[in-house]
Amino acid sequence: MDRVSKLASDRAVVIFSVSSCCMCHTVKRLFCDLGVNPAIHELDHDPRGKDIERVLARMIGRNPPAPVVFIGGRLVGPTDQVMSLHLGGKLVPLLKEAGAIWL
């Protein structure tokens, strides 16, 4: 849990992902299209990725957990939560508040 908390607060936006996951790709693309430069942790490339994945699964109550997004060090959640915020017009203000984008 401590490792996840530390990684999640490294940048304004942190995405825990799996390189072969299409939904992970979609979420990463969304943030890049919005002008965000997120920290991306590919769990399948991290030697401790399985441990991180178990912690994330407990946090969001779903397995497999990826993608999981943190903004400003706070858990936003998986794809459905991110897309809900985006479609509701709440994602960009959240990104601005965290200092991830300026416009």
PDB file of N, CA and C in Angstrom:
ATOM      1  N   MET A   1       0.825  -1.202   0.000  1.00  0.00           N
ATOM      2  CA  MET A   1       0.000   0.000   0.000  1.00  0.00           C
ATOM      3  C   MET A   1       0.866   1.261   0.000  1.00  0.00           C
ATOM      4  N   ASP A   2       1.929   1.236   0.777  1.00  0.00           N
ATOM      5  CA  ASP A   2       2.811   2.403   0.852  1.00  0.00           C
ATOM      6  C   ASP A   2       3.458   2.695  -0.492  1.00  0.00           C
ATOM      7  N   ARG A   3       3.868   1.638  -1.193  1.00  0.00           N
ATOM      8  CA  ARG A   3       4.491   1.825  -2.512  1.00  0.00           C
ATOM      9  C   ARG A   3       3.492   2.440  -3.488  1.00  0.00           C
ATOM     10  N   VAL A   4       2.266   1.965  -3.478  1.00  0.00           N
ATOM     11  CA  VAL A   4       1.239   2.514  -4.370  1.00  0.00           C
ATOM     12  C   VAL A   4       0.984   3.976  -4.022  1.00  0.00           C
ATOM     13  N   SER A   5       0.869   4.292  -2.754  1.00  0.00           N
ATOM     14  CA  SER A   5       0.638   5.677  -2.330  1.00  0.00           C
ATOM     15  C   SER A   5       1.779   6.590  -2.771  1.00  0.00           C
ATOM     16  N   LYS A   6       3.003   6.104  -2.636  1.00  0.00           N
ATOM     17  CA  LYS A   6       4.159   6.899  -3.046  1.00  0.00           C
ATOM     18  C   LYS A   6       4.157   7.117  -4.560  1.00  0.00           C
ATOM     19  N   LEU A   7       3.943   6.053  -5.317  1.00  0.00           N
ATOM     20  CA  LEU A   7       3.911   6.173  -6.779  1.00  0.00           C
ATOM     21  C   LEU A   7       2.754   7.066  -7.234  1.00  0.00           C
ATOM     22  N   ALA A   8       1.616   6.952  -6.561  1.00  0.00           N
ATOM     23  CA  ALA A   8       0.423   7.712  -6.941  1.00  0.00           C
ATOM     24  C   ALA A   8       0.581   9.205  -6.713  1.00  0.00           C
ATOM     25  N   SER A   9       1.506   9.581  -5.856  1.00  0.00           N
ATOM     26  CA  SER A   9       1.688  11.007  -5.573  1.00  0.00           C
ATOM     27  C   SER A   9       2.937  11.581  -6.247  1.00  0.00           C
ATOM     28  N   ASP A  10       3.584  10.806  -7.108  1.00  0.00           N
ATOM     29  CA  ASP A  10       4.791  11.265  -7.803  1.00  0.00           C
ATOM     30  C   ASP A  10       4.533  12.406  -8.785  1.00  0.00           C
ATOM     31  N   ARG A  11       3.389  12.404  -9.444  1.00  0.00           N
ATOM     32  CA  ARG A  11       3.052  13.409 -10.450  1.00  0.00           C
ATOM     33  C   ARG A  11       1.598  13.812 -10.281  1.00  0.00           C
ATOM     34  N   ALA A  12       1.188  14.850 -11.008  1.00  0.00           N
ATOM     35  CA  ALA A  12      -0.197  15.317 -10.930  1.00  0.00           C
ATOM     36  C   ALA A  12      -1.176  14.233 -11.393  1.00  0.00           C
ATOM     37  N   VAL A  13      -0.785  13.466 -12.419  1.00  0.00           N
ATOM     38  CA  VAL A  13      -1.611  12.360 -12.907  1.00  0.00           C
ATOM     39  C   VAL A  13      -0.733  11.121 -12.985  1.00  0.00           C
ATOM     40  N   VAL A  14      -1.225  10.041 -12.382  1.00  0.00           N
ATOM     41  CA  VAL A  14      -0.519   8.764 -12.401  1.00  0.00           C
ATOM     42  C   VAL A  14      -1.490   7.702 -12.887  1.00  0.00           C
ATOM     43  N   ILE A  15      -1.032   6.919 -13.862  1.00  0.00           N
ATOM     44  CA  ILE A  15      -1.850   5.844 -14.417  1.00  0.00           C
ATOM     45  C   ILE A  15      -1.123   4.527 -14.217  1.00  0.00           C
ATOM     46  N   PHE A  16      -1.810   3.583 -13.581  1.00  0.00           N
ATOM     47  CA  PHE A  16      -1.307   2.215 -13.483  1.00  0.00           C
ATOM     48  C   PHE A  16      -1.974   1.446 -14.613  1.00  0.00           C
ATOM     49  N   SER A  17      -1.156   0.821 -15.439  1.00  0.00           N
ATOM     50  CA  SER A  17      -1.624   0.267 -16.701  1.00  0.00           C
ATOM     51  C   SER A  17      -1.021  -1.111 -16.941  1.00  0.00           C
ATOM     52  N   VAL A  18      -1.553  -1.793 -17.944  1.00  0.00           N
ATOM     53  CA  VAL A  18      -0.973  -3.026 -18.475  1.00  0.00           C
ATOM     54  C   VAL A  18      -0.786  -2.776 -19.965  1.00  0.00           C
ATOM     55  N   SER A  19       0.406  -3.034 -20.465  1.00  0.00           N
ATOM     56  CA  SER A  19       0.749  -2.630 -21.823  1.00  0.00           C
ATOM     57  C   SER A  19      -0.134  -3.252 -22.907  1.00  0.00           C
ATOM     58  N   SER A  20      -0.702  -4.420 -22.664  1.00  0.00           N
ATOM     59  CA  SER A  20      -1.527  -5.078 -23.687  1.00  0.00           C
ATOM     60  C   SER A  20      -3.027  -4.804 -23.546  1.00  0.00           C
ATOM     61  N   CYS A  21      -3.411  -3.949 -22.612  1.00  0.00           N
ATOM     62  CA  CYS A  21      -4.823  -3.679 -22.312  1.00  0.00           C
ATOM     63  C   CYS A  21      -5.354  -2.537 -23.175  1.00  0.00           C
ATOM     64  N   CYS A  22      -6.417  -2.810 -23.941  1.00  0.00           N
ATOM     65  CA  CYS A  22      -6.979  -1.781 -24.826  1.00  0.00           C
ATOM     66  C   CYS A  22      -7.616  -0.632 -24.042  1.00  0.00           C
ATOM     67  N   MET A  23      -8.216  -0.913 -22.890  1.00  0.00           N
ATOM     68  CA  MET A  23      -8.819   0.156 -22.095  1.00  0.00           C
ATOM     69  C   MET A  23      -7.735   1.037 -21.468  1.00  0.00           C
ATOM     70  N   CYS A  24      -6.611   0.427 -21.118  1.00  0.00           N
ATOM     71  CA  CYS A  24      -5.481   1.199 -20.606  1.00  0.00           C
ATOM     72  C   CYS A  24      -4.984   2.155 -21.680  1.00  0.00           C
ATOM     73  N   HIS A  25      -4.886   1.655 -22.896  1.00  0.00           N
ATOM     74  CA  HIS A  25      -4.445   2.490 -24.016  1.00  0.00           C
ATOM     75  C   HIS A  25      -5.414   3.667 -24.212  1.00  0.00           C
ATOM     76  N   THR A  26      -6.704   3.389 -24.130  1.00  0.00           N
ATOM     77  CA  THR A  26      -7.727   4.419 -24.304  1.00  0.00           C
ATOM     78  C   THR A  26      -7.594   5.516 -23.244  1.00  0.00           C
ATOM     79  N   VAL A  27      -7.407   5.125 -22.002  1.00  0.00           N
ATOM     80  CA  VAL A  27      -7.276   6.101 -20.916  1.00  0.00           C
ATOM     81  C   VAL A  27      -5.997   6.926 -21.080  1.00  0.00           C
ATOM     82  N   LYS A  28      -4.894   6.267 -21.410  1.00  0.00           N
ATOM     83  CA  LYS A  28      -3.626   6.990 -21.620  1.00  0.00           C
ATOM     84  C   LYS A  28      -3.770   7.975 -22.777  1.00  0.00           C
ATOM     85  N   ARG A  29      -4.435   7.549 -23.841  1.00  0.00           N
ATOM     86  CA  ARG A  29      -4.642   8.414 -25.009  1.00  0.00           C
ATOM     87  C   ARG A  29      -5.499   9.632 -24.646  1.00  0.00           C
ATOM     88  N   LEU A  30      -6.547   9.428 -23.856  1.00  0.00           N
ATOM     89  CA  LEU A  30      -7.404  10.526 -23.432  1.00  0.00           C
ATOM     90  C   LEU A  30      -6.597  11.593 -22.714  1.00  0.00           C
ATOM     91  N   PHE A  31      -5.789  11.177 -21.746  1.00  0.00           N
ATOM     92  CA  PHE A  31      -5.005  12.153 -20.990  1.00  0.00           C
ATOM     93  C   PHE A  31      -3.989  12.867 -21.873  1.00  0.00           C
ATOM     94  N   CYS A  32      -3.354  12.137 -22.773  1.00  0.00           N
ATOM     95  CA  CYS A  32      -2.399  12.775 -23.696  1.00  0.00           C
ATOM     96  C   CYS A  32      -3.112  13.762 -24.610  1.00  0.00           C
ATOM     97  N   ASP A  33      -4.302  13.414 -25.100  1.00  0.00           N
ATOM     98  CA  ASP A  33      -5.079  14.318 -25.954  1.00  0.00           C
ATOM     99  C   ASP A  33      -5.505  15.577 -25.212  1.00  0.00           C
ATOM    100  N   LEU A  34      -5.660  15.471 -23.894  1.00  0.00           N
ATOM    101  CA  LEU A  34      -6.025  16.636 -23.082  1.00  0.00           C
ATOM    102  C   LEU A  34      -4.807  17.493 -22.725  1.00  0.00           C
ATOM    103  N   GLY A  35      -3.616  17.040 -23.134  1.00  0.00           N
ATOM    104  CA  GLY A  35      -2.398  17.796 -22.869  1.00  0.00           C
ATOM    105  C   GLY A  35      -1.710  17.437 -21.566  1.00  0.00           C
ATOM    106  N   VAL A  36      -2.093  16.329 -20.978  1.00  0.00           N
ATOM    107  CA  VAL A  36      -1.510  15.876 -19.717  1.00  0.00           C
ATOM    108  C   VAL A  36      -0.303  14.992 -20.022  1.00  0.00           C
ATOM    109  N   ASN A  37       0.714  15.108 -19.192  1.00  0.00           N
ATOM    110  CA  ASN A  37       1.879  14.242 -19.287  1.00  0.00           C
ATOM    111  C   ASN A  37       1.908  13.363 -18.028  1.00  0.00           C
ATOM    112  N   PRO A  38       1.124  12.271 -18.044  1.00  0.00           N
ATOM    113  CA  PRO A  38       1.012  11.466 -16.830  1.00  0.00           C
ATOM    114  C   PRO A  38       2.228  10.581 -16.595  1.00  0.00           C
ATOM    115  N   ALA A  39       2.418  10.212 -15.351  1.00  0.00           N
ATOM    116  CA  ALA A  39       3.371   9.145 -15.026  1.00  0.00           C
ATOM    117  C   ALA A  39       2.618   7.846 -15.276  1.00  0.00           C
ATOM    118  N   ILE A  40       3.204   6.971 -16.066  1.00  0.00           N
ATOM    119  CA  ILE A  40       2.553   5.711 -16.410  1.00  0.00           C
ATOM    120  C   ILE A  40       3.392   4.566 -15.861  1.00  0.00           C
ATOM    121  N   HIS A  41       2.750   3.722 -15.081  1.00  0.00           N
ATOM    122  CA  HIS A  41       3.411   2.543 -14.516  1.00  0.00           C
ATOM    123  C   HIS A  41       2.793   1.307 -15.160  1.00  0.00           C
ATOM    124  N   GLU A  42       3.562   0.684 -16.040  1.00  0.00           N
ATOM    125  CA  GLU A  42       3.109  -0.533 -16.713  1.00  0.00           C
ATOM    126  C   GLU A  42       3.346  -1.708 -15.764  1.00  0.00           C
ATOM    127  N   LEU A  43       2.276  -2.235 -15.215  1.00  0.00           N
ATOM    128  CA  LEU A  43       2.384  -3.280 -14.200  1.00  0.00           C
ATOM    129  C   LEU A  43       3.023  -4.551 -14.733  1.00  0.00           C
ATOM    130  N   ASP A  44       2.833  -4.841 -16.020  1.00  0.00           N
ATOM    131  CA  ASP A  44       3.409  -6.055 -16.593  1.00  0.00           C
ATOM    132  C   ASP A  44       4.908  -5.907 -16.880  1.00  0.00           C
ATOM    133  N   HIS A  45       5.450  -4.709 -16.727  1.00  0.00           N
ATOM    134  CA  HIS A  45       6.882  -4.478 -16.916  1.00  0.00           C
ATOM    135  C   HIS A  45       7.605  -4.229 -15.595  1.00  0.00           C
ATOM    136  N   ASP A  46       6.868  -4.171 -14.512  1.00  0.00           N
ATOM    137  CA  ASP A  46       7.434  -3.898 -13.193  1.00  0.00           C
ATOM    138  C   ASP A  46       7.623  -5.219 -12.443  1.00  0.00           C
ATOM    139  N   PRO A  47       8.816  -5.468 -11.919  1.00  0.00           N
ATOM    140  CA  PRO A  47       9.035  -6.709 -11.170  1.00  0.00           C
ATOM    141  C   PRO A  47       8.077  -6.871  -9.979  1.00  0.00           C
ATOM    142  N   ARG A  48       7.608  -5.760  -9.443  1.00  0.00           N
ATOM    143  CA  ARG A  48       6.658  -5.812  -8.320  1.00  0.00           C
ATOM    144  C   ARG A  48       5.227  -5.534  -8.780  1.00  0.00           C
ATOM    145  N   GLY A  49       5.008  -5.640 -10.083  1.00  0.00           N
ATOM    146  CA  GLY A  49       3.709  -5.325 -10.669  1.00  0.00           C
ATOM    147  C   GLY A  49       2.550  -6.133 -10.127  1.00  0.00           C
ATOM    148  N   LYS A  50       2.769  -7.421  -9.889  1.00  0.00           N
ATOM    149  CA  LYS A  50       1.685  -8.273  -9.354  1.00  0.00           C
ATOM    150  C   LYS A  50       1.276  -7.829  -7.951  1.00  0.00           C
ATOM    151  N   ASP A  51       2.259  -7.437  -7.139  1.00  0.00           N
ATOM    152  CA  ASP A  51       1.943  -6.944  -5.790  1.00  0.00           C
ATOM    153  C   ASP A  51       1.149  -5.641  -5.871  1.00  0.00           C
ATOM    154  N   ILE A  52       1.579  -4.755  -6.749  1.00  0.00           N
ATOM    155  CA  ILE A  52       0.875  -3.474  -6.942  1.00  0.00           C
ATOM    156  C   ILE A  52      -0.534  -3.740  -7.448  1.00  0.00           C
ATOM    157  N   GLU A  53      -0.659  -4.685  -8.379  1.00  0.00           N
ATOM    158  CA  GLU A  53      -1.967  -5.023  -8.934  1.00  0.00           C
ATOM    159  C   GLU A  53      -2.922  -5.515  -7.850  1.00  0.00           C
ATOM    160  N   ARG A  54      -2.430  -6.333  -6.921  1.00  0.00           N
ATOM    161  CA  ARG A  54      -3.274  -6.824  -5.824  1.00  0.00           C
ATOM    162  C   ARG A  54      -3.748  -5.679  -4.930  1.00  0.00           C
ATOM    163  N   VAL A  55      -2.863  -4.737  -4.633  1.00  0.00           N
ATOM    164  CA  VAL A  55      -3.231  -3.579  -3.811  1.00  0.00           C
ATOM    165  C   VAL A  55      -4.290  -2.742  -4.533  1.00  0.00           C
ATOM    166  N   LEU A  56      -4.072  -2.489  -5.817  1.00  0.00           N
ATOM    167  CA  LEU A  56      -5.034  -1.698  -6.601  1.00  0.00           C
ATOM    168  C   LEU A  56      -6.386  -2.406  -6.677  1.00  0.00           C
ATOM    169  N   ALA A  57      -6.378  -3.725  -6.846  1.00  0.00           N
ATOM    170  CA  ALA A  57      -7.633  -4.489  -6.905  1.00  0.00           C
ATOM    171  C   ALA A  57      -8.423  -4.335  -5.612  1.00  0.00           C
ATOM    172  N   ARG A  58      -7.720  -4.347  -4.480  1.00  0.00           N
ATOM    173  CA  ARG A  58      -8.402  -4.143  -3.185  1.00  0.00           C
ATOM    174  C   ARG A  58      -8.952  -2.722  -3.087  1.00  0.00           C
ATOM    175  N   MET A  59      -8.185  -1.757  -3.600  1.00  0.00           N
ATOM    176  CA  MET A  59      -8.612  -0.353  -3.501  1.00  0.00           C
ATOM    177  C   MET A  59      -9.879  -0.076  -4.302  1.00  0.00           C
ATOM    178  N   ILE A  60      -9.978  -0.662  -5.493  1.00  0.00           N
ATOM    179  CA  ILE A  60     -11.132  -0.356  -6.345  1.00  0.00           C
ATOM    180  C   ILE A  60     -12.185  -1.461  -6.346  1.00  0.00           C
ATOM    181  N   GLY A  61     -11.875  -2.585  -5.710  1.00  0.00           N
ATOM    182  CA  GLY A  61     -12.849  -3.669  -5.605  1.00  0.00           C
ATOM    183  C   GLY A  61     -13.088  -4.401  -6.904  1.00  0.00           C
ATOM    184  N   ARG A  62     -12.042  -4.501  -7.721  1.00  0.00           N
ATOM    185  CA  ARG A  62     -12.207  -5.144  -9.025  1.00  0.00           C
ATOM    186  C   ARG A  62     -10.878  -5.780  -9.435  1.00  0.00           C
ATOM    187  N   ASN A  63     -10.986  -6.942 -10.088  1.00  0.00           N
ATOM    188  CA  ASN A  63      -9.783  -7.607 -10.582  1.00  0.00           C
ATOM    189  C   ASN A  63     -10.045  -8.101 -11.997  1.00  0.00           C
ATOM    190  N   PRO A  64      -9.212  -7.819 -12.974  1.00  0.00           N
ATOM    191  CA  PRO A  64      -7.994  -7.024 -12.888  1.00  0.00           C
ATOM    192  C   PRO A  64      -8.324  -5.543 -12.743  1.00  0.00           C
ATOM    193  N   PRO A  65      -7.467  -4.820 -12.058  1.00  0.00           N
ATOM    194  CA  PRO A  65      -7.776  -3.425 -11.754  1.00  0.00           C
ATOM    195  C   PRO A  65      -7.434  -2.427 -12.851  1.00  0.00           C
ATOM    196  N   ALA A  66      -6.473  -2.748 -13.702  1.00  0.00           N
ATOM    197  CA  ALA A  66      -5.941  -1.757 -14.645  1.00  0.00           C
ATOM    198  C   ALA A  66      -6.946  -1.400 -15.722  1.00  0.00           C
ATOM    199  N   PRO A  67      -6.988  -0.152 -16.140  1.00  0.00           N
ATOM    200  CA  PRO A  67      -6.191   0.959 -15.660  1.00  0.00           C
ATOM    201  C   PRO A  67      -6.765   1.565 -14.378  1.00  0.00           C
ATOM    202  N   VAL A  68      -5.880   2.131 -13.593  1.00  0.00           N
ATOM    203  CA  VAL A  68      -6.279   2.860 -12.386  1.00  0.00           C
ATOM    204  C   VAL A  68      -5.603   4.221 -12.451  1.00  0.00           C
ATOM    205  N   VAL A  69      -6.410   5.273 -12.252  1.00  0.00           N
ATOM    206  CA  VAL A  69      -5.914   6.644 -12.378  1.00  0.00           C
ATOM    207  C   VAL A  69      -5.965   7.351 -11.031  1.00  0.00           C
ATOM    208  N   PHE A  70      -4.883   8.074 -10.745  1.00  0.00           N
ATOM    209  CA  PHE A  70      -4.811   8.954  -9.585  1.00  0.00           C
ATOM    210  C   PHE A  70      -4.572  10.365 -10.107  1.00  0.00           C
ATOM    211  N   ILE A  71      -5.300  11.327  -9.581  1.00  0.00           N
ATOM    212  CA  ILE A  71      -5.103  12.734  -9.940  1.00  0.00           C
ATOM    213  C   ILE A  71      -4.869  13.498  -8.642  1.00  0.00           C
ATOM    214  N   GLY A  72      -3.756  14.221  -8.616  1.00  0.00           N
ATOM    215  CA  GLY A  72      -3.404  14.956  -7.399  1.00  0.00           C
ATOM    216  C   GLY A  72      -3.191  14.049  -6.209  1.00  0.00           C
ATOM    217  N   GLY A  73      -2.735  12.829  -6.458  1.00  0.00           N
ATOM    218  CA  GLY A  73      -2.496  11.874  -5.388  1.00  0.00           C
ATOM    219  C   GLY A  73      -3.736  11.163  -4.881  1.00  0.00           C
ATOM    220  N   ARG A  74      -4.896  11.524  -5.427  1.00  0.00           N
ATOM    221  CA  ARG A  74      -6.157  10.913  -4.996  1.00  0.00           C
ATOM    222  C   ARG A  74      -6.663   9.917  -6.025  1.00  0.00           C
ATOM    223  N   LEU A  75      -7.195   8.816  -5.546  1.00  0.00           N
ATOM    224  CA  LEU A  75      -7.744   7.787  -6.420  1.00  0.00           C
ATOM    225  C   LEU A  75      -8.959   8.314  -7.161  1.00  0.00           C
ATOM    226  N   VAL A  76      -8.907   8.248  -8.493  1.00  0.00           N
ATOM    227  CA  VAL A  76     -10.066   8.562  -9.324  1.00  0.00           C
ATOM    228  C   VAL A  76     -10.777   7.269  -9.658  1.00  0.00           C
ATOM    229  N   GLY A  77     -10.012   6.249 -10.048  1.00  0.00           N
ATOM    230  CA  GLY A  77     -10.585   4.941 -10.320  1.00  0.00           C
ATOM    231  C   GLY A  77     -10.227   4.411 -11.682  1.00  0.00           C
ATOM    232  N   PRO A  78     -10.983   3.408 -12.107  1.00  0.00           N
ATOM    233  CA  PRO A  78     -10.740   2.779 -13.406  1.00  0.00           C
ATOM    234  C   PRO A  78     -11.404   3.553 -14.550  1.00  0.00           C
ATOM    235  N   THR A  79     -11.414   2.950 -15.709  1.00  0.00           N
ATOM    236  CA  THR A  79     -11.896   3.588 -16.940  1.00  0.00           C
ATOM    237  C   THR A  79     -13.284   4.194 -16.793  1.00  0.00           C
ATOM    238  N   ASP A  80     -14.230   3.462 -16.223  1.00  0.00           N
ATOM    239  CA  ASP A  80     -15.603   3.971 -16.150  1.00  0.00           C
ATOM    240  C   ASP A  80     -15.694   5.251 -15.328  1.00  0.00           C
ATOM    241  N   GLN A  81     -14.920   5.341 -14.267  1.00  0.00           N
ATOM    242  CA  GLN A  81     -14.918   6.554 -13.449  1.00  0.00           C
ATOM    243  C   GLN A  81     -14.304   7.735 -14.207  1.00  0.00           C
ATOM    244  N   VAL A  82     -13.208   7.472 -14.899  1.00  0.00           N
ATOM    245  CA  VAL A  82     -12.533   8.519 -15.673  1.00  0.00           C
ATOM    246  C   VAL A  82     -13.450   9.030 -16.771  1.00  0.00           C
ATOM    247  N   MET A  83     -14.074   8.121 -17.504  1.00  0.00           N
ATOM    248  CA  MET A  83     -14.952   8.523 -18.606  1.00  0.00           C
ATOM    249  C   MET A  83     -16.192   9.250 -18.097  1.00  0.00           C
ATOM    250  N   SER A  84     -16.708   8.826 -16.973  1.00  0.00           N
ATOM    251  CA  SER A  84     -17.861   9.504 -16.382  1.00  0.00           C
ATOM    252  C   SER A  84     -17.518  10.949 -16.026  1.00  0.00           C
ATOM    253  N   LEU A  85     -16.342  11.147 -15.425  1.00  0.00           N
ATOM    254  CA  LEU A  85     -15.893  12.508 -15.112  1.00  0.00           C
ATOM    255  C   LEU A  85     -15.717  13.332 -16.379  1.00  0.00           C
ATOM    256  N   HIS A  86     -15.120  12.717 -17.386  1.00  0.00           N
ATOM    257  CA  HIS A  86     -14.862  13.428 -18.641  1.00  0.00           C
ATOM    258  C   HIS A  86     -16.169  13.827 -19.327  1.00  0.00           C
ATOM    259  N   LEU A  87     -17.089  12.887 -19.455  1.00  0.00           N
ATOM    260  CA  LEU A  87     -18.363  13.170 -20.122  1.00  0.00           C
ATOM    261  C   LEU A  87     -19.216  14.159 -19.326  1.00  0.00           C
ATOM    262  N   GLY A  88     -19.039  14.181 -18.017  1.00  0.00           N
ATOM    263  CA  GLY A  88     -19.776  15.111 -17.159  1.00  0.00           C
ATOM    264  C   GLY A  88     -19.121  16.480 -17.048  1.00  0.00           C
ATOM    265  N   GLY A  89     -17.995  16.668 -17.758  1.00  0.00           N
ATOM    266  CA  GLY A  89     -17.316  17.962 -17.735  1.00  0.00           C
ATOM    267  C   GLY A  89     -16.539  18.235 -16.454  1.00  0.00           C
ATOM    268  N   LYS A  90     -16.258  17.197 -15.683  1.00  0.00           N
ATOM    269  CA  LYS A  90     -15.582  17.386 -14.399  1.00  0.00           C
ATOM    270  C   LYS A  90     -14.107  16.996 -14.428  1.00  0.00           C
ATOM    271  N   LEU A  91     -13.664  16.327 -15.487  1.00  0.00           N
ATOM    272  CA  LEU A  91     -12.280  15.867 -15.530  1.00  0.00           C
ATOM    273  C   LEU A  91     -11.303  17.018 -15.729  1.00  0.00           C
ATOM    274  N   VAL A  92     -11.570  17.893 -16.680  1.00  0.00           N
ATOM    275  CA  VAL A  92     -10.654  19.007 -16.956  1.00  0.00           C
ATOM    276  C   VAL A  92     -10.489  19.916 -15.730  1.00  0.00           C
ATOM    277  N   PRO A  93     -11.572  20.308 -15.048  1.00  0.00           N
ATOM    278  CA  PRO A  93     -11.378  21.115 -13.834  1.00  0.00           C
ATOM    279  C   PRO A  93     -10.535  20.393 -12.765  1.00  0.00           C
ATOM    280  N   LEU A  94     -10.717  19.107 -12.651  1.00  0.00           N
ATOM    281  CA  LEU A  94      -9.937  18.311 -11.697  1.00  0.00           C
ATOM    282  C   LEU A  94      -8.453  18.321 -12.090  1.00  0.00           C
ATOM    283  N   LEU A  95      -8.188  18.214 -13.376  1.00  0.00           N
ATOM    284  CA  LEU A  95      -6.799  18.263 -13.882  1.00  0.00           C
ATOM    285  C   LEU A  95      -6.177  19.634 -13.660  1.00  0.00           C
ATOM    286  N   LYS A  96      -6.967  20.684 -13.859  1.00  0.00           N
ATOM    287  CA  LYS A  96      -6.465  22.034 -13.617  1.00  0.00           C
ATOM    288  C   LYS A  96      -6.134  22.232 -12.136  1.00  0.00           C
ATOM    289  N   GLU A  97      -7.018  21.773 -11.285  1.00  0.00           N
ATOM    290  CA  GLU A  97      -6.824  21.901  -9.838  1.00  0.00           C
ATOM    291  C   GLU A  97      -5.561  21.172  -9.379  1.00  0.00           C
ATOM    292  N   ALA A  98      -5.245  20.048 -10.024  1.00  0.00           N
ATOM    293  CA  ALA A  98      -4.060  19.266  -9.662  1.00  0.00           C
ATOM    294  C   ALA A  98      -2.792  19.808 -10.305  1.00  0.00           C
ATOM    295  N   GLY A  99      -2.941  20.793 -11.214  1.00  0.00           N
ATOM    296  CA  GLY A  99      -1.773  21.345 -11.891  1.00  0.00           C
ATOM    297  C   GLY A  99      -1.292  20.520 -13.059  1.00  0.00           C
ATOM    298  N   ALA A 100      -2.149  19.631 -13.565  1.00  0.00           N
ATOM    299  CA  ALA A 100      -1.767  18.774 -14.692  1.00  0.00           C
ATOM    300  C   ALA A 100      -1.896  19.499 -16.030  1.00  0.00           C
ATOM    301  N   ILE A 101      -2.814  20.461 -16.081  1.00  0.00           N
ATOM    302  CA  ILE A 101      -2.980  21.306 -17.283  1.00  0.00           C
ATOM    303  C   ILE A 101      -3.233  22.725 -16.824  1.00  0.00           C
ATOM    304  N   TRP A 102      -2.982  23.664 -17.736  1.00  0.00           N
ATOM    305  CA  TRP A 102      -3.097  25.080 -17.360  1.00  0.00           C
ATOM    306  C   TRP A 102      -4.177  25.808 -18.128  1.00  0.00           C
ATOM    307  N   LEU A 103      -4.606  25.298 -19.241  1.00  0.00           N
ATOM    308  CA  LEU A 103      -5.585  26.006 -20.076  1.00  0.00           C
ATOM    309  C   LEU A 103      -7.001  25.617 -19.746  1.00  0.00           C
TER     310      LEU A 103
END
